[in-house]
Protein backbone atom coordinates (compact mmCIF):
# COMPACT_ATOMS: atom_id res chain seq x y z
CA MET A 1 -39.30 35.38 -22.88
CA ILE A 2 -37.29 37.48 -20.44
CA GLU A 3 -38.41 40.78 -18.92
CA PHE A 4 -35.75 43.48 -19.06
CA PRO A 5 -36.45 46.58 -16.92
CA ILE A 6 -34.71 49.66 -18.24
CA GLU A 7 -33.32 51.48 -15.21
CA ARG A 8 -31.67 54.90 -15.21
CA GLY A 9 -28.95 53.86 -12.77
CA ALA A 10 -28.12 50.75 -14.80
CA ILE A 11 -27.75 52.89 -17.94
CA MET A 12 -25.40 55.27 -16.13
CA MET A 13 -23.29 52.44 -14.70
CA PHE A 14 -23.12 50.70 -18.07
CA ALA A 15 -21.94 53.93 -19.73
CA ARG A 16 -19.30 54.35 -17.03
CA SER A 17 -18.15 50.74 -17.42
CA ILE A 18 -17.46 51.31 -21.13
CA ASN A 19 -15.89 54.70 -20.36
CA ASP A 20 -18.41 56.71 -22.39
CA PRO A 21 -18.82 60.17 -20.82
CA ASN A 22 -21.75 61.30 -23.03
CA PRO A 23 -24.17 63.13 -20.67
CA ILE A 24 -27.20 61.85 -22.60
CA TYR A 25 -26.69 58.59 -20.66
CA TRP A 26 -27.01 60.16 -17.18
CA ASP A 27 -27.85 63.89 -17.16
CA ALA A 28 -31.66 64.30 -17.34
CA ALA A 29 -31.55 68.06 -18.04
CA TYR A 30 -29.06 67.60 -20.86
CA ALA A 31 -31.03 64.67 -22.29
CA GLU A 32 -34.34 66.61 -22.18
CA SER A 33 -32.75 69.37 -24.29
CA SER A 34 -31.51 66.85 -26.88
CA ALA A 35 -33.31 65.84 -30.08
CA VAL A 36 -34.40 62.58 -28.40
CA GLY A 37 -35.75 64.36 -25.34
CA HIS A 38 -34.85 61.81 -22.68
CA ILE A 39 -32.00 59.72 -21.29
CA ILE A 40 -31.00 56.96 -23.68
CA ALA A 41 -28.73 53.95 -23.32
CA PRO A 42 -25.45 53.24 -25.11
CA PRO A 43 -25.97 51.14 -28.26
CA THR A 44 -24.64 47.92 -26.69
CA PHE A 45 -26.63 48.27 -23.44
CA VAL A 46 -29.05 45.46 -24.30
CA VAL A 47 -26.29 42.89 -23.66
CA SER A 48 -26.83 43.59 -19.96
CA ILE A 49 -30.04 41.55 -20.18
CA ALA A 50 -27.82 38.61 -19.24
CA LYS A 51 -28.17 39.53 -15.56
CA PHE A 52 -31.93 38.88 -15.90
CA ASP A 53 -31.58 35.56 -17.76
CA PRO A 54 -31.38 32.62 -15.33
CA SER A 55 -30.10 30.32 -18.09
CA PHE A 56 -27.16 32.57 -19.10
CA PRO A 57 -24.10 30.33 -18.57
CA LEU A 58 -21.82 33.13 -17.32
CA ARG A 59 -24.32 34.42 -14.75
CA PRO A 60 -23.22 33.57 -11.21
CA THR A 61 -25.67 31.44 -9.25
CA ILE A 62 -25.43 31.39 -5.45
CA GLY A 63 -24.07 28.05 -4.26
CA GLU A 64 -22.99 26.91 -7.74
CA PRO A 65 -19.49 26.90 -9.21
CA TRP A 66 -19.02 29.80 -11.62
CA VAL A 67 -16.88 29.93 -14.72
CA GLY A 68 -15.79 33.48 -13.86
CA SER A 69 -13.10 35.17 -15.88
CA GLY A 70 -9.98 33.26 -14.93
CA ARG A 71 -8.66 29.75 -14.90
CA GLU A 72 -10.98 27.80 -12.54
CA PRO A 73 -11.55 30.76 -10.16
CA SER A 74 -14.40 29.06 -8.36
CA GLY A 75 -13.68 25.42 -8.80
CA ARG A 76 -15.63 24.86 -12.02
CA PRO A 77 -13.48 22.59 -14.19
CA PRO A 78 -12.60 23.67 -17.71
CA GLN A 79 -14.60 22.19 -20.55
CA GLU A 80 -13.32 18.81 -21.63
CA SER A 81 -13.46 19.52 -25.34
CA GLY A 82 -13.43 22.64 -27.40
CA SER A 83 -13.43 26.31 -26.54
CA GLY A 84 -15.97 29.01 -27.29
CA LEU A 85 -15.96 32.77 -27.68
CA ALA A 86 -18.00 35.65 -29.02
CA ALA A 87 -17.25 36.40 -32.65
CA GLU A 88 -19.42 39.43 -33.49
CA GLN A 89 -22.44 41.51 -32.48
CA HIS A 90 -24.86 43.74 -34.37
CA PHE A 91 -27.64 45.98 -33.04
CA GLU A 92 -30.52 47.39 -35.07
CA TYR A 93 -32.48 50.10 -33.27
CA PHE A 94 -36.00 51.04 -34.36
CA ARG A 95 -36.30 53.68 -31.63
CA HIS A 96 -34.56 54.67 -28.39
CA PHE A 97 -36.06 53.16 -25.27
CA GLU A 98 -36.03 55.10 -22.01
CA PRO A 99 -35.74 54.53 -18.27
CA GLY A 100 -38.93 53.15 -16.79
CA GLU A 101 -39.81 50.92 -19.72
CA VAL A 102 -39.83 47.15 -19.40
CA LEU A 103 -38.79 45.36 -22.57
CA THR A 104 -39.39 41.69 -23.23
CA ALA A 105 -36.79 39.69 -25.08
CA THR A 106 -37.24 36.58 -27.17
CA SER A 107 -34.35 34.79 -28.81
CA ARG A 108 -34.02 32.39 -31.66
CA THR A 109 -31.18 30.60 -33.39
CA GLY A 110 -30.24 32.00 -36.78
CA GLU A 111 -27.74 30.48 -39.17
CA THR A 112 -25.07 27.92 -38.27
CA TRP A 113 -21.97 27.28 -40.38
CA GLN A 114 -18.52 25.70 -40.11
CA ARG A 115 -14.99 26.44 -41.26
CA GLU A 116 -11.68 24.72 -40.67
CA GLY A 117 -9.37 26.61 -38.33
CA ARG A 118 -5.57 26.51 -38.13
CA ARG A 119 -5.21 25.63 -34.42
CA GLY A 120 -8.70 24.86 -33.15
CA GLY A 121 -9.84 22.28 -35.68
CA THR A 122 -13.37 22.72 -36.95
CA LEU A 123 -14.90 26.10 -36.07
CA THR A 124 -18.67 26.09 -35.62
CA PHE A 125 -20.36 29.50 -35.84
CA VAL A 126 -23.86 29.96 -34.39
CA GLU A 127 -25.97 33.08 -34.84
CA ARG A 128 -28.40 34.12 -32.09
CA ILE A 129 -31.07 36.74 -32.76
CA THR A 130 -32.87 38.53 -29.92
CA ASP A 131 -35.82 40.86 -30.38
CA PHE A 132 -36.53 43.38 -27.62
CA ARG A 133 -40.18 44.50 -27.60
CA ASP A 134 -41.96 47.29 -25.77
CA ALA A 135 -45.25 47.02 -23.82
CA GLN A 136 -47.22 47.38 -27.08
CA GLY A 137 -45.32 44.48 -28.69
CA ALA A 138 -43.32 46.62 -31.13
CA VAL A 139 -39.71 45.63 -31.74
CA VAL A 140 -37.44 48.32 -30.30
CA VAL A 141 -34.07 46.64 -30.86
CA THR A 142 -32.90 43.51 -32.64
CA ALA A 143 -29.57 42.16 -31.42
CA ARG A 144 -27.67 39.61 -33.44
CA SER A 145 -24.65 37.81 -32.02
CA VAL A 146 -22.40 35.14 -33.45
CA SER A 147 -20.47 32.75 -31.24
CA VAL A 148 -17.78 30.32 -32.35
CA ARG A 149 -16.83 27.01 -30.81
CA THR A 150 -13.68 25.07 -31.67
CA SER A 151 -13.51 21.29 -31.93
CA LYS A 152 -10.14 21.32 -30.11
CA ARG A 153 -9.33 22.97 -26.82
CA ILE A 154 -6.99 25.94 -27.34
CA GLU A 155 -4.64 26.85 -24.48
CA ILE A 156 -3.85 30.54 -24.27
CA GLY A 157 -0.73 31.82 -22.55
């Protein structure tokens, strides 16, 4: 279980990073006059929980090589076999959360399946389901992601 504090500044910065100018993500007066009545987060905001998850493989760790976003930017060698990437994401909201709340997240593996690819050999798809709960234990958001790993390393570019 991971604690995920919902912070007003983080919501604003996330909205800016995805270039969404909707004032409901940062303007308290505007948000209070809306049907929701408070600042809300963009629908994909819960992916930012990764910065709170010490086991997230793309999270930088001080003193450790980091995979980064380029070809060996920090000295971490490429994987010896296969390549992986995100295939899809889905978000089901049961209510809007608001700044000041602390959600807890629990994840579980969903379905796994395989298909044969044209260049990458066998493609293995793995579904990950994460429930975000409020202080009362009610599910606020369920996030479902699917990742795909190839059996062969694919060189791009």
